[in-house]
PDB file of N, CA and C in Angstrom:
ATOM      1  N   MET A   1     -34.149-102.462 -20.341  1.00  0.00           N
ATOM      2  CA  MET A   1     -34.439-103.585 -19.474  1.00  0.00           C
ATOM      3  C   MET A   1     -33.696-104.837 -19.941  1.00  0.00           C
ATOM      4  N   ALA A   2     -33.606-104.993 -21.262  1.00  0.00           N
ATOM      5  CA  ALA A   2     -32.890-106.156 -21.801  1.00  0.00           C
ATOM      6  C   ALA A   2     -31.426-106.098 -21.400  1.00  0.00           C
ATOM      7  N   ALA A   3     -30.841-104.929 -21.446  1.00  0.00           N
ATOM      8  CA  ALA A   3     -29.435-104.776 -21.073  1.00  0.00           C
ATOM      9  C   ALA A   3     -29.211-105.009 -19.584  1.00  0.00           C
ATOM     10  N   ASP A   4     -30.272-104.862 -18.795  1.00  0.00           N
ATOM     11  CA  ASP A   4     -30.177-105.115 -17.356  1.00  0.00           C
ATOM     12  C   ASP A   4     -30.379-106.587 -17.022  1.00  0.00           C
ATOM     13  N   GLY A   5     -30.646-107.406 -18.055  1.00  0.00           N
ATOM     14  CA  GLY A   5     -30.784-108.846 -17.844  1.00  0.00           C
ATOM     15  C   GLY A   5     -32.202-109.360 -17.745  1.00  0.00           C
ATOM     16  N   ALA A   6     -33.186-108.508 -17.971  1.00  0.00           N
ATOM     17  CA  ALA A   6     -34.580-108.949 -17.898  1.00  0.00           C
ATOM     18  C   ALA A   6     -34.904-109.845 -19.094  1.00  0.00           C
ATOM     19  N   THR A   7     -35.724-110.857 -18.860  1.00  0.00           N
ATOM     20  CA  THR A   7     -36.158-111.735 -19.949  1.00  0.00           C
ATOM     21  C   THR A   7     -37.248-111.038 -20.749  1.00  0.00           C
ATOM     22  N   ASN A   8     -37.542-111.591 -21.920  1.00  0.00           N
ATOM     23  CA  ASN A   8     -38.616-111.024 -22.743  1.00  0.00           C
ATOM     24  C   ASN A   8     -39.937-111.039 -21.989  1.00  0.00           C
ATOM     25  N   ARG A   9     -40.201-112.093 -21.247  1.00  0.00           N
ATOM     26  CA  ARG A   9     -41.452-112.175 -20.472  1.00  0.00           C
ATOM     27  C   ARG A   9     -41.497-111.120 -19.367  1.00  0.00           C
ATOM     28  N   GLU A  10     -40.374-110.881 -18.721  1.00  0.00           N
ATOM     29  CA  GLU A  10     -40.325-109.856 -17.674  1.00  0.00           C
ATOM     30  C   GLU A  10     -40.524-108.467 -18.268  1.00  0.00           C
ATOM     31  N   ILE A  11     -39.884-108.212 -19.394  1.00  0.00           N
ATOM     32  CA  ILE A  11     -40.054-106.918 -20.070  1.00  0.00           C
ATOM     33  C   ILE A  11     -41.501-106.740 -20.486  1.00  0.00           C
ATOM     34  N   ALA A  12     -42.081-107.786 -21.054  1.00  0.00           N
ATOM     35  CA  ALA A  12     -43.476-107.732 -21.505  1.00  0.00           C
ATOM     36  C   ALA A  12     -44.425-107.438 -20.346  1.00  0.00           C
ATOM     37  N   ALA A  13     -44.180-108.079 -19.217  1.00  0.00           N
ATOM     38  CA  ALA A  13     -45.038-107.852 -18.052  1.00  0.00           C
ATOM     39  C   ALA A  13     -44.954-106.407 -17.576  1.00  0.00           C
ATOM     40  N   ARG A  14     -43.753-105.858 -17.569  1.00  0.00           N
ATOM     41  CA  ARG A  14     -43.575-104.472 -17.130  1.00  0.00           C
ATOM     42  C   ARG A  14     -44.237-103.477 -18.076  1.00  0.00           C
ATOM     43  N   LEU A  15     -44.206-103.795 -19.384  1.00  0.00           N
ATOM     44  CA  LEU A  15     -44.757-102.877 -20.384  1.00  0.00           C
ATOM     45  C   LEU A  15     -46.185-103.218 -20.789  1.00  0.00           C
ATOM     46  N   VAL A  16     -46.738-104.271 -20.205  1.00  0.00           N
ATOM     47  CA  VAL A  16     -48.088-104.754 -20.507  1.00  0.00           C
ATOM     48  C   VAL A  16     -48.222-105.030 -22.014  1.00  0.00           C
ATOM     49  N   LEU A  17     -47.275-105.837 -22.523  1.00  0.00           N
ATOM     50  CA  LEU A  17     -47.262-106.256 -23.917  1.00  0.00           C
ATOM     51  C   LEU A  17     -47.045-107.760 -23.964  1.00  0.00           C
ATOM     52  N   SER A  18     -47.211-108.330 -25.135  1.00  0.00           N
ATOM     53  CA  SER A  18     -46.947-109.750 -25.335  1.00  0.00           C
ATOM     54  C   SER A  18     -45.442-109.985 -25.388  1.00  0.00           C
ATOM     55  N   HIS A  19     -45.005-111.113 -24.847  1.00  0.00           N
ATOM     56  CA  HIS A  19     -43.578-111.433 -24.918  1.00  0.00           C
ATOM     57  C   HIS A  19     -43.152-111.628 -26.371  1.00  0.00           C
ATOM     58  N   ARG A  20     -44.077-112.006 -27.232  1.00  0.00           N
ATOM     59  CA  ARG A  20     -43.759-112.147 -28.656  1.00  0.00           C
ATOM     60  C   ARG A  20     -43.514-110.783 -29.303  1.00  0.00           C
ATOM     61  N   THR A  21     -44.213-109.763 -28.844  1.00  0.00           N
ATOM     62  CA  THR A  21     -43.987-108.404 -29.341  1.00  0.00           C
ATOM     63  C   THR A  21     -42.587-107.942 -28.954  1.00  0.00           C
ATOM     64  N   ILE A  22     -42.209-108.210 -27.720  1.00  0.00           N
ATOM     65  CA  ILE A  22     -40.873-107.844 -27.255  1.00  0.00           C
ATOM     66  C   ILE A  22     -39.824-108.573 -28.077  1.00  0.00           C
ATOM     67  N   ASP A  23     -40.021-109.871 -28.291  1.00  0.00           N
ATOM     68  CA  ASP A  23     -39.090-110.669 -29.083  1.00  0.00           C
ATOM     69  C   ASP A  23     -38.931-110.094 -30.489  1.00  0.00           C
ATOM     70  N   HIS A  24     -40.034-109.758 -31.113  1.00  0.00           N
ATOM     71  CA  HIS A  24     -40.014-109.201 -32.467  1.00  0.00           C
ATOM     72  C   HIS A  24     -39.185-107.913 -32.529  1.00  0.00           C
ATOM     73  N   HIS A  25     -39.428-107.028 -31.613  1.00  0.00           N
ATOM     74  CA  HIS A  25     -38.739-105.741 -31.636  1.00  0.00           C
ATOM     75  C   HIS A  25     -37.265-105.866 -31.244  1.00  0.00           C
ATOM     76  N   LEU A  26     -36.963-106.729 -30.286  1.00  0.00           N
ATOM     77  CA  LEU A  26     -35.561-106.916 -29.913  1.00  0.00           C
ATOM     78  C   LEU A  26     -34.771-107.539 -31.054  1.00  0.00           C
ATOM     79  N   ARG A  27     -35.390-108.440 -31.804  1.00  0.00           N
ATOM     80  CA  ARG A  27     -34.699-109.030 -32.959  1.00  0.00           C
ATOM     81  C   ARG A  27     -34.316-107.946 -33.961  1.00  0.00           C
ATOM     82  N   GLY A  28     -35.212-107.000 -34.180  1.00  0.00           N
ATOM     83  CA  GLY A  28     -34.919-105.895 -35.083  1.00  0.00           C
ATOM     84  C   GLY A  28     -33.792-105.023 -34.570  1.00  0.00           C
ATOM     85  N   VAL A  29     -33.819-104.732 -33.290  1.00  0.00           N
ATOM     86  CA  VAL A  29     -32.755-103.924 -32.673  1.00  0.00           C
ATOM     87  C   VAL A  29     -31.422-104.662 -32.761  1.00  0.00           C
ATOM     88  N   PHE A  30     -31.439-105.944 -32.427  1.00  0.00           N
ATOM     89  CA  PHE A  30     -30.209-106.732 -32.479  1.00  0.00           C
ATOM     90  C   PHE A  30     -29.654-106.766 -33.894  1.00  0.00           C
ATOM     91  N   ALA A  31     -30.498-106.933 -34.885  1.00  0.00           N
ATOM     92  CA  ALA A  31     -30.047-106.974 -36.282  1.00  0.00           C
ATOM     93  C   ALA A  31     -29.380-105.657 -36.674  1.00  0.00           C
ATOM     94  N   ARG A  32     -29.978-104.556 -36.284  1.00  0.00           N
ATOM     95  CA  ARG A  32     -29.400-103.252 -36.616  1.00  0.00           C
ATOM     96  C   ARG A  32     -28.070-103.012 -35.926  1.00  0.00           C
ATOM     97  N   LEU A  33     -27.931-103.546 -34.731  1.00  0.00           N
ATOM     98  CA  LEU A  33     -26.683-103.380 -33.981  1.00  0.00           C
ATOM     99  C   LEU A  33     -25.639-104.432 -34.356  1.00  0.00           C
ATOM    100  N   GLY A  34     -26.047-105.433 -35.124  1.00  0.00           N
ATOM    101  CA  GLY A  34     -25.121-106.488 -35.518  1.00  0.00           C
ATOM    102  C   GLY A  34     -24.794-107.451 -34.397  1.00  0.00           C
ATOM    103  N   ILE A  35     -25.756-107.649 -33.489  1.00  0.00           N
ATOM    104  CA  ILE A  35     -25.561-108.576 -32.380  1.00  0.00           C
ATOM    105  C   ILE A  35     -26.646-109.644 -32.419  1.00  0.00           C
ATOM    106  N   ARG A  36     -26.502-110.673 -31.571  1.00  0.00           N
ATOM    107  CA  ARG A  36     -27.453-111.786 -31.598  1.00  0.00           C
ATOM    108  C   ARG A  36     -28.155-112.059 -30.271  1.00  0.00           C
ATOM    109  N   SER A  37     -27.711-111.435 -29.197  1.00  0.00           N
ATOM    110  CA  SER A  37     -28.292-111.770 -27.899  1.00  0.00           C
ATOM    111  C   SER A  37     -28.229-110.608 -26.923  1.00  0.00           C
ATOM    112  N   CYS A  38     -28.933-110.786 -25.829  1.00  0.00           N
ATOM    113  CA  CYS A  38     -28.909-109.778 -24.762  1.00  0.00           C
ATOM    114  C   CYS A  38     -27.522-109.706 -24.126  1.00  0.00           C
ATOM    115  N   ILE A  39     -26.817-110.813 -24.094  1.00  0.00           N
ATOM    116  CA  ILE A  39     -25.472-110.815 -23.536  1.00  0.00           C
ATOM    117  C   ILE A  39     -24.572-109.900 -24.356  1.00  0.00           C
ATOM    118  N   GLU A  40     -24.696-109.989 -25.668  1.00  0.00           N
ATOM    119  CA  GLU A  40     -23.899-109.114 -26.521  1.00  0.00           C
ATOM    120  C   GLU A  40     -24.328-107.662 -26.357  1.00  0.00           C
ATOM    121  N   LEU A  41     -25.612-107.428 -26.105  1.00  0.00           N
ATOM    122  CA  LEU A  41     -26.099-106.068 -25.864  1.00  0.00           C
ATOM    123  C   LEU A  41     -25.455-105.481 -24.615  1.00  0.00           C
ATOM    124  N   VAL A  42     -25.374-106.273 -23.563  1.00  0.00           N
ATOM    125  CA  VAL A  42     -24.735-105.823 -22.323  1.00  0.00           C
ATOM    126  C   VAL A  42     -23.285-105.463 -22.587  1.00  0.00           C
ATOM    127  N   ARG A  43     -22.591-106.323 -23.327  1.00  0.00           N
ATOM    128  CA  ARG A  43     -21.171-106.052 -23.647  1.00  0.00           C
ATOM    129  C   ARG A  43     -21.029-104.773 -24.473  1.00  0.00           C
ATOM    130  N   LEU A  44     -21.940-104.569 -25.411  1.00  0.00           N
ATOM    131  CA  LEU A  44     -21.898-103.388 -26.266  1.00  0.00           C
ATOM    132  C   LEU A  44     -22.101-102.101 -25.466  1.00  0.00           C
ATOM    133  N   LEU A  45     -22.973-102.157 -24.464  1.00  0.00           N
ATOM    134  CA  LEU A  45     -23.311-100.968 -23.681  1.00  0.00           C
ATOM    135  C   LEU A  45     -22.398-100.738 -22.483  1.00  0.00           C
ATOM    136  N   SER A  46     -21.574-101.735 -22.160  1.00  0.00           N
ATOM    137  CA  SER A  46     -20.657-101.582 -21.024  1.00  0.00           C
ATOM    138  C   SER A  46     -19.494-100.674 -21.411  1.00  0.00           C
ATOM    139  N   PRO A  47     -19.078 -99.823 -20.450  1.00  0.00           N
ATOM    140  CA  PRO A  47     -17.960 -98.908 -20.732  1.00  0.00           C
ATOM    141  C   PRO A  47     -16.632 -99.622 -20.846  1.00  0.00           C
TER     142      PRO A  47
END
């Protein structure tokens, strides 16, 4: 969902979680991938 451009609040609403939980987990994913934002995630996943 993040790669599709959804905000943390939108993702949280869809998954029935706190937006802070989404933020926490995305930060971990971004750190492991060596990126800093959803924009970079989109670029990484684009062919």
